[in-house]
């Protein structure tokens, strides 16, 4: 009988470590600890195994398409599919006011487009009744004060193309020096981060609808400080 498979992305520090410590001891199957930096990942895995966490390590850089494909192919060759996928979205409280176009683009890519790529390449491996969990702070459309985009992103039949157009609008405005801070809540404070997290929250809603027919649960979990005693998160495994 093939074992169940769970993985946590970008789990080599901070909240990622807490996730693995909490969940690997409760998951009945193979629990993969992944990171973008293989050296840090292997060191963290050894430390986790030393304290009794039943984890396996795989180098997975979610910003690198080929890296995701390598992991996908590894799962296809060795397992039935993925039962639990936990996307540990980086949580950054840095000040992103008036950022350059390049930095804004990187933030939007890290917080949104990387997870579009994860959907494309890893979601086909999800088994029926699987769980997908996004761990991140969450912002909704109320953060968008631009009247046109607030209305468009609030549509009942929202499409992924609408989300992409919103991000293109924002990045083009930054690039051309035309971004109006008043278009985002709190006069544009941490605007690139807020824009990307709003987009990710909308993507999660679309994913939930698309996977509903297969009883795949897609959840957005907003952390407080630690997961060590989080019965809410462990109940999702």
C-alpha atoms as a PDB file:
ATOM      1  CA  UNK A   1       0.000   0.000   0.000  1.00  0.00           C
ATOM      2  CA  UNK A   2       1.450   3.385  -0.994  1.00  0.00           C
ATOM      3  CA  UNK A   3       2.033   5.859   1.803  1.00  0.00           C
ATOM      4  CA  UNK A   4       0.332   9.209   2.116  1.00  0.00           C
ATOM      5  CA  UNK A   5       2.491  12.223   1.259  1.00  0.00           C
ATOM      6  CA  UNK A   6       2.602  15.676   2.828  1.00  0.00           C
ATOM      7  CA  UNK A   7       4.960  18.558   2.179  1.00  0.00           C
ATOM      8  CA  UNK A   8       5.629  22.043   3.484  1.00  0.00           C
ATOM      9  CA  UNK A   9       7.286  24.552   1.164  1.00  0.00           C
ATOM     10  CA  UNK A  10       9.956  27.020   2.336  1.00  0.00           C
ATOM     11  CA  UNK A  11      10.098  25.470   5.781  1.00  0.00           C
ATOM     12  CA  UNK A  12      13.726  25.948   6.861  1.00  0.00           C
ATOM     13  CA  UNK A  13      13.203  28.765   9.353  1.00  0.00           C
ATOM     14  CA  UNK A  14      10.709  30.689  11.477  1.00  0.00           C
ATOM     15  CA  UNK A  15       7.085  29.683  11.096  1.00  0.00           C
ATOM     16  CA  UNK A  16       8.075  26.938   8.659  1.00  0.00           C
ATOM     17  CA  UNK A  17      10.031  25.153  11.375  1.00  0.00           C
ATOM     18  CA  UNK A  18       7.082  25.427  13.785  1.00  0.00           C
ATOM     19  CA  UNK A  19       4.797  23.976  11.125  1.00  0.00           C
ATOM     20  CA  UNK A  20       7.032  20.972  10.612  1.00  0.00           C
ATOM     21  CA  UNK A  21       7.570  20.371  14.341  1.00  0.00           C
ATOM     22  CA  UNK A  22       3.814  20.402  14.924  1.00  0.00           C
ATOM     23  CA  UNK A  23       2.539  18.522  11.901  1.00  0.00           C
ATOM     24  CA  UNK A  24       5.191  15.907  11.113  1.00  0.00           C
ATOM     25  CA  UNK A  25       4.467  14.137  14.392  1.00  0.00           C
ATOM     26  CA  UNK A  26       0.756  13.964  13.567  1.00  0.00           C
ATOM     27  CA  UNK A  27       0.850  12.928   9.934  1.00  0.00           C
ATOM     28  CA  UNK A  28       0.453   9.247   9.150  1.00  0.00           C
ATOM     29  CA  UNK A  29       2.689   8.970   6.105  1.00  0.00           C
ATOM     30  CA  UNK A  30       5.796  10.528   4.548  1.00  0.00           C
ATOM     31  CA  UNK A  31       6.266  14.155   5.525  1.00  0.00           C
ATOM     32  CA  UNK A  32       8.537  16.190   3.246  1.00  0.00           C
ATOM     33  CA  UNK A  33      10.435  19.168   4.555  1.00  0.00           C
ATOM     34  CA  UNK A  34      11.447  21.418   1.642  1.00  0.00           C
ATOM     35  CA  UNK A  35      13.503  24.572   1.240  1.00  0.00           C
ATOM     36  CA  UNK A  36      15.085  26.733  -1.437  1.00  0.00           C
ATOM     37  CA  UNK A  37      18.529  26.597   0.185  1.00  0.00           C
ATOM     38  CA  UNK A  38      19.695  22.942   0.293  1.00  0.00           C
ATOM     39  CA  UNK A  39      22.443  23.581   2.847  1.00  0.00           C
ATOM     40  CA  UNK A  40      20.085  25.230   5.330  1.00  0.00           C
ATOM     41  CA  UNK A  41      17.436  22.643   4.551  1.00  0.00           C
ATOM     42  CA  UNK A  42      19.654  19.664   5.297  1.00  0.00           C
ATOM     43  CA  UNK A  43      20.908  21.220   8.545  1.00  0.00           C
ATOM     44  CA  UNK A  44      17.355  21.974   9.656  1.00  0.00           C
ATOM     45  CA  UNK A  45      16.220  18.457   8.711  1.00  0.00           C
ATOM     46  CA  UNK A  46      18.976  16.881  10.796  1.00  0.00           C
ATOM     47  CA  UNK A  47      18.001  19.054  13.763  1.00  0.00           C
ATOM     48  CA  UNK A  48      14.320  18.126  13.356  1.00  0.00           C
ATOM     49  CA  UNK A  49      15.072  14.418  13.120  1.00  0.00           C
ATOM     50  CA  UNK A  50      17.214  14.710  16.235  1.00  0.00           C
ATOM     51  CA  UNK A  51      14.205  15.868  18.267  1.00  0.00           C
ATOM     52  CA  UNK A  52      12.008  13.078  16.934  1.00  0.00           C
ATOM     53  CA  UNK A  53      10.334  14.634  13.899  1.00  0.00           C
ATOM     54  CA  UNK A  54       9.686  12.044  11.199  1.00  0.00           C
ATOM     55  CA  UNK A  55      10.634  14.100   8.135  1.00  0.00           C
ATOM     56  CA  UNK A  56      12.335  13.599   4.781  1.00  0.00           C
ATOM     57  CA  UNK A  57      14.149  16.372   2.948  1.00  0.00           C
ATOM     58  CA  UNK A  58      13.739  17.505  -0.658  1.00  0.00           C
ATOM     59  CA  UNK A  59      15.331  20.563  -2.233  1.00  0.00           C
ATOM     60  CA  UNK A  60      12.406  22.518  -3.698  1.00  0.00           C
ATOM     61  CA  UNK A  61      12.738  26.101  -4.893  1.00  0.00           C
ATOM     62  CA  UNK A  62       9.210  27.281  -5.654  1.00  0.00           C
ATOM     63  CA  UNK A  63      10.561  30.205  -7.691  1.00  0.00           C
ATOM     64  CA  UNK A  64      12.278  27.785 -10.089  1.00  0.00           C
ATOM     65  CA  UNK A  65      10.028  25.949 -12.549  1.00  0.00           C
ATOM     66  CA  UNK A  66      12.578  23.176 -13.142  1.00  0.00           C
ATOM     67  CA  UNK A  67      12.902  22.585  -9.397  1.00  0.00           C
ATOM     68  CA  UNK A  68       9.134  22.127  -9.069  1.00  0.00           C
ATOM     69  CA  UNK A  69       9.152  19.766 -12.057  1.00  0.00           C
ATOM     70  CA  UNK A  70      11.896  17.665 -10.407  1.00  0.00           C
ATOM     71  CA  UNK A  71       9.794  17.331  -7.278  1.00  0.00           C
ATOM     72  CA  UNK A  72       6.677  16.558  -9.316  1.00  0.00           C
ATOM     73  CA  UNK A  73       8.489  13.804 -11.213  1.00  0.00           C
ATOM     74  CA  UNK A  74       9.890  12.394  -7.957  1.00  0.00           C
ATOM     75  CA  UNK A  75       6.390  12.123  -6.490  1.00  0.00           C
ATOM     76  CA  UNK A  76       5.002  10.535  -9.675  1.00  0.00           C
ATOM     77  CA  UNK A  77       7.754   7.903  -9.664  1.00  0.00           C
ATOM     78  CA  UNK A  78       7.493   7.037  -5.975  1.00  0.00           C
ATOM     79  CA  UNK A  79       3.995   7.730  -4.657  1.00  0.00           C
ATOM     80  CA  UNK A  80       0.312   7.708  -5.464  1.00  0.00           C
ATOM     81  CA  UNK A  81       0.071  11.491  -5.234  1.00  0.00           C
ATOM     82  CA  UNK A  82       0.045  14.362  -2.723  1.00  0.00           C
ATOM     83  CA  UNK A  83      -2.369  14.206   0.221  1.00  0.00           C
ATOM     84  CA  UNK A  84      -1.418  17.418   2.012  1.00  0.00           C
ATOM     85  CA  UNK A  85       0.265  20.452   0.453  1.00  0.00           C
ATOM     86  CA  UNK A  86       1.150  23.292   2.804  1.00  0.00           C
ATOM     87  CA  UNK A  87       2.324  26.464   1.103  1.00  0.00           C
ATOM     88  CA  UNK A  88       4.275  28.417   3.672  1.00  0.00           C
ATOM     89  CA  UNK A  89       3.953  31.909   2.243  1.00  0.00           C
ATOM     90  CA  UNK A  90       6.687  34.225   3.522  1.00  0.00           C
ATOM     91  CA  UNK A  91       5.435  36.739   6.069  1.00  0.00           C
ATOM     92  CA  UNK A  92       7.356  39.996   5.873  1.00  0.00           C
ATOM     93  CA  UNK A  93       6.627  43.132   7.840  1.00  0.00           C
ATOM     94  CA  UNK A  94       9.191  45.230   6.000  1.00  0.00           C
ATOM     95  CA  UNK A  95       8.276  48.693   4.747  1.00  0.00           C
ATOM     96  CA  UNK A  96       7.565  48.605   1.016  1.00  0.00           C
ATOM     97  CA  UNK A  97       6.468  52.173   0.458  1.00  0.00           C
ATOM     98  CA  UNK A  98       7.530  53.727  -2.852  1.00  0.00           C
ATOM     99  CA  UNK A  99       9.481  50.655  -3.885  1.00  0.00           C
ATOM    100  CA  UNK A 100      11.222  50.373  -7.236  1.00  0.00           C
ATOM    101  CA  UNK A 101       9.563  48.517 -10.083  1.00  0.00           C
ATOM    102  CA  UNK A 102      12.054  45.647  -9.857  1.00  0.00           C
ATOM    103  CA  UNK A 103      11.538  45.139  -6.138  1.00  0.00           C
ATOM    104  CA  UNK A 104       7.759  45.435  -6.474  1.00  0.00           C
ATOM    105  CA  UNK A 105       7.806  42.858  -9.271  1.00  0.00           C
ATOM    106  CA  UNK A 106       9.880  40.479  -7.124  1.00  0.00           C
ATOM    107  CA  UNK A 107       7.456  40.808  -4.202  1.00  0.00           C
ATOM    108  CA  UNK A 108       4.426  40.159  -6.436  1.00  0.00           C
ATOM    109  CA  UNK A 109       6.195  37.144  -7.945  1.00  0.00           C
ATOM    110  CA  UNK A 110       7.181  35.712  -4.546  1.00  0.00           C
ATOM    111  CA  UNK A 111       3.751  36.158  -3.010  1.00  0.00           C
ATOM    112  CA  UNK A 112       1.558  35.332  -5.995  1.00  0.00           C
ATOM    113  CA  UNK A 113       3.004  34.055  -9.269  1.00  0.00           C
ATOM    114  CA  UNK A 114       5.113  31.348  -7.624  1.00  0.00           C
ATOM    115  CA  UNK A 115       1.896  29.837  -6.276  1.00  0.00           C
ATOM    116  CA  UNK A 116       0.244  29.998  -9.679  1.00  0.00           C
ATOM    117  CA  UNK A 117       3.169  27.860 -10.845  1.00  0.00           C
ATOM    118  CA  UNK A 118       2.669  25.490  -7.907  1.00  0.00           C
ATOM    119  CA  UNK A 119      -0.978  25.095  -8.937  1.00  0.00           C
ATOM    120  CA  UNK A 120      -0.025  24.336 -12.520  1.00  0.00           C
ATOM    121  CA  UNK A 121       2.628  21.729 -11.717  1.00  0.00           C
ATOM    122  CA  UNK A 122       1.682  20.145  -8.381  1.00  0.00           C
ATOM    123  CA  UNK A 123      -2.116  20.380  -8.159  1.00  0.00           C
ATOM    124  CA  UNK A 124      -2.567  17.619 -10.788  1.00  0.00           C
ATOM    125  CA  UNK A 125      -0.886  15.306  -8.245  1.00  0.00           C
ATOM    126  CA  UNK A 126      -3.438  16.014  -5.509  1.00  0.00           C
ATOM    127  CA  UNK A 127      -5.465  12.950  -4.598  1.00  0.00           C
ATOM    128  CA  UNK A 128      -9.197  13.135  -3.998  1.00  0.00           C
ATOM    129  CA  UNK A 129      -9.965  14.513  -0.513  1.00  0.00           C
ATOM    130  CA  UNK A 130      -6.517  16.128  -0.325  1.00  0.00           C
ATOM    131  CA  UNK A 131      -5.774  19.263   1.685  1.00  0.00           C
ATOM    132  CA  UNK A 132      -4.086  22.438   0.434  1.00  0.00           C
ATOM    133  CA  UNK A 133      -3.201  24.981   3.101  1.00  0.00           C
ATOM    134  CA  UNK A 134      -1.784  28.465   2.569  1.00  0.00           C
ATOM    135  CA  UNK A 135      -0.091  29.862   5.660  1.00  0.00           C
ATOM    136  CA  UNK A 136       0.143  33.641   5.506  1.00  0.00           C
ATOM    137  CA  UNK A 137      -1.286  36.901   6.670  1.00  0.00           C
ATOM    138  CA  UNK A 138      -4.440  37.579   4.731  1.00  0.00           C
ATOM    139  CA  UNK A 139      -5.882  40.700   3.106  1.00  0.00           C
ATOM    140  CA  UNK A 140      -9.133  40.992   1.215  1.00  0.00           C
ATOM    141  CA  UNK A 141     -10.459  43.276  -1.502  1.00  0.00           C
ATOM    142  CA  UNK A 142     -11.301  45.936   1.101  1.00  0.00           C
ATOM    143  CA  UNK A 143      -7.601  46.843   0.964  1.00  0.00           C
ATOM    144  CA  UNK A 144      -8.087  48.039  -2.618  1.00  0.00           C
ATOM    145  CA  UNK A 145      -9.427  51.604  -2.608  1.00  0.00           C
ATOM    146  CA  UNK A 146      -9.294  52.178  -6.365  1.00  0.00           C
ATOM    147  CA  UNK A 147     -12.990  52.144  -7.274  1.00  0.00           C
ATOM    148  CA  UNK A 148     -12.612  50.330 -10.605  1.00  0.00           C
ATOM    149  CA  UNK A 149     -10.402  47.560  -9.261  1.00  0.00           C
ATOM    150  CA  UNK A 150     -12.369  47.161  -6.051  1.00  0.00           C
ATOM    151  CA  UNK A 151     -15.529  46.588  -8.089  1.00  0.00           C
ATOM    152  CA  UNK A 152     -13.874  44.285 -10.640  1.00  0.00           C
ATOM    153  CA  UNK A 153     -12.159  42.132  -8.016  1.00  0.00           C
ATOM    154  CA  UNK A 154     -15.447  41.827  -6.100  1.00  0.00           C
ATOM    155  CA  UNK A 155     -17.309  40.297  -9.057  1.00  0.00           C
ATOM    156  CA  UNK A 156     -19.206  37.103  -8.348  1.00  0.00           C
ATOM    157  CA  UNK A 157     -17.723  35.403 -11.408  1.00  0.00           C
ATOM    158  CA  UNK A 158     -14.145  36.545 -10.899  1.00  0.00           C
ATOM    159  CA  UNK A 159     -11.583  34.968 -13.243  1.00  0.00           C
ATOM    160  CA  UNK A 160      -7.863  34.454 -12.828  1.00  0.00           C
ATOM    161  CA  UNK A 161      -7.433  36.837 -15.770  1.00  0.00           C
ATOM    162  CA  UNK A 162      -9.001  39.603 -13.652  1.00  0.00           C
ATOM    163  CA  UNK A 163      -6.442  39.028 -10.900  1.00  0.00           C
ATOM    164  CA  UNK A 164      -3.585  39.039 -13.404  1.00  0.00           C
ATOM    165  CA  UNK A 165      -4.853  42.265 -14.976  1.00  0.00           C
ATOM    166  CA  UNK A 166      -4.957  43.862 -11.509  1.00  0.00           C
ATOM    167  CA  UNK A 167      -1.321  42.948 -10.906  1.00  0.00           C
ATOM    168  CA  UNK A 168      -0.265  44.176 -14.348  1.00  0.00           C
ATOM    169  CA  UNK A 169      -2.071  47.479 -13.662  1.00  0.00           C
ATOM    170  CA  UNK A 170      -0.247  47.889 -10.352  1.00  0.00           C
ATOM    171  CA  UNK A 171       3.204  47.029 -11.701  1.00  0.00           C
ATOM    172  CA  UNK A 172       2.776  49.235 -14.761  1.00  0.00           C
ATOM    173  CA  UNK A 173       1.748  52.126 -12.503  1.00  0.00           C
ATOM    174  CA  UNK A 174       4.892  51.620 -10.421  1.00  0.00           C
ATOM    175  CA  UNK A 175       7.065  51.342 -13.527  1.00  0.00           C
ATOM    176  CA  UNK A 176       5.697  54.537 -15.057  1.00  0.00           C
ATOM    177  CA  UNK A 177       5.752  56.454 -11.778  1.00  0.00           C
ATOM    178  CA  UNK A 178       1.953  56.777 -11.926  1.00  0.00           C
ATOM    179  CA  UNK A 179       0.977  54.770  -8.828  1.00  0.00           C
ATOM    180  CA  UNK A 180      -1.443  56.621  -6.562  1.00  0.00           C
ATOM    181  CA  UNK A 181      -0.891  55.561  -2.919  1.00  0.00           C
ATOM    182  CA  UNK A 182      -4.547  56.339  -2.217  1.00  0.00           C
ATOM    183  CA  UNK A 183      -5.502  53.359  -4.413  1.00  0.00           C
ATOM    184  CA  UNK A 184      -4.421  51.008  -1.604  1.00  0.00           C
ATOM    185  CA  UNK A 185      -5.488  51.132   2.037  1.00  0.00           C
ATOM    186  CA  UNK A 186      -3.407  53.150   4.527  1.00  0.00           C
ATOM    187  CA  UNK A 187      -2.185  55.487   1.795  1.00  0.00           C
ATOM    188  CA  UNK A 188      -0.239  52.783   0.000  1.00  0.00           C
ATOM    189  CA  UNK A 189       1.750  51.557   2.990  1.00  0.00           C
ATOM    190  CA  UNK A 190       3.414  48.211   2.137  1.00  0.00           C
ATOM    191  CA  UNK A 191       1.534  48.394  -1.170  1.00  0.00           C
ATOM    192  CA  UNK A 192       3.391  45.644  -3.108  1.00  0.00           C
ATOM    193  CA  UNK A 193       2.879  43.197  -0.257  1.00  0.00           C
ATOM    194  CA  UNK A 194      -0.811  44.088   0.178  1.00  0.00           C
ATOM    195  CA  UNK A 195      -1.474  43.888  -3.570  1.00  0.00           C
ATOM    196  CA  UNK A 196       0.154  40.453  -3.828  1.00  0.00           C
ATOM    197  CA  UNK A 197      -1.606  39.043  -0.757  1.00  0.00           C
ATOM    198  CA  UNK A 198      -4.992  40.313  -1.956  1.00  0.00           C
ATOM    199  CA  UNK A 199      -4.314  38.563  -5.270  1.00  0.00           C
ATOM    200  CA  UNK A 200      -3.272  35.357  -3.505  1.00  0.00           C
ATOM    201  CA  UNK A 201      -6.424  35.343  -1.381  1.00  0.00           C
ATOM    202  CA  UNK A 202      -8.536  35.660  -4.532  1.00  0.00           C
ATOM    203  CA  UNK A 203      -6.562  32.857  -6.209  1.00  0.00           C
ATOM    204  CA  UNK A 204      -7.227  30.609  -3.205  1.00  0.00           C
ATOM    205  CA  UNK A 205     -10.961  31.284  -3.566  1.00  0.00           C
ATOM    206  CA  UNK A 206     -10.851  30.266  -7.233  1.00  0.00           C
ATOM    207  CA  UNK A 207      -8.835  27.143  -6.425  1.00  0.00           C
ATOM    208  CA  UNK A 208     -11.345  26.154  -3.771  1.00  0.00           C
ATOM    209  CA  UNK A 209     -14.158  26.327  -6.322  1.00  0.00           C
ATOM    210  CA  UNK A 210     -12.219  24.404  -8.985  1.00  0.00           C
ATOM    211  CA  UNK A 211     -11.324  21.549  -6.624  1.00  0.00           C
ATOM    212  CA  UNK A 212     -14.628  21.308  -4.793  1.00  0.00           C
ATOM    213  CA  UNK A 213     -15.921  18.522  -7.037  1.00  0.00           C
ATOM    214  CA  UNK A 214     -13.040  16.286  -5.880  1.00  0.00           C
ATOM    215  CA  UNK A 215     -13.617  17.128  -2.212  1.00  0.00           C
ATOM    216  CA  UNK A 216     -10.208  18.790  -2.035  1.00  0.00           C
ATOM    217  CA  UNK A 217     -10.139  21.321   0.771  1.00  0.00           C
ATOM    218  CA  UNK A 218      -8.243  24.572   0.096  1.00  0.00           C
ATOM    219  CA  UNK A 219      -7.729  26.656   3.224  1.00  0.00           C
ATOM    220  CA  UNK A 220      -6.092  29.972   4.056  1.00  0.00           C
ATOM    221  CA  UNK A 221      -4.585  29.906   7.543  1.00  0.00           C
ATOM    222  CA  UNK A 222      -3.478  33.212   9.087  1.00  0.00           C
ATOM    223  CA  UNK A 223      -0.906  32.594  11.845  1.00  0.00           C
ATOM    224  CA  UNK A 224      -0.583  34.511  15.075  1.00  0.00           C
ATOM    225  CA  UNK A 225       2.715  33.670  16.736  1.00  0.00           C
ATOM    226  CA  UNK A 226       3.261  29.929  16.762  1.00  0.00           C
ATOM    227  CA  UNK A 227       1.680  26.660  15.666  1.00  0.00           C
ATOM    228  CA  UNK A 228       2.981  24.549  18.518  1.00  0.00           C
ATOM    229  CA  UNK A 229      -0.446  24.291  20.138  1.00  0.00           C
ATOM    230  CA  UNK A 230      -2.615  24.910  17.106  1.00  0.00           C
ATOM    231  CA  UNK A 231      -5.444  22.371  17.038  1.00  0.00           C
ATOM    232  CA  UNK A 232      -7.044  24.366  14.209  1.00  0.00           C
ATOM    233  CA  UNK A 233      -4.176  23.653  11.824  1.00  0.00           C
ATOM    234  CA  UNK A 234      -3.585  20.050  12.830  1.00  0.00           C
ATOM    235  CA  UNK A 235      -7.280  19.325  12.242  1.00  0.00           C
ATOM    236  CA  UNK A 236      -6.702  20.045   8.553  1.00  0.00           C
ATOM    237  CA  UNK A 237      -4.282  17.152   8.070  1.00  0.00           C
END
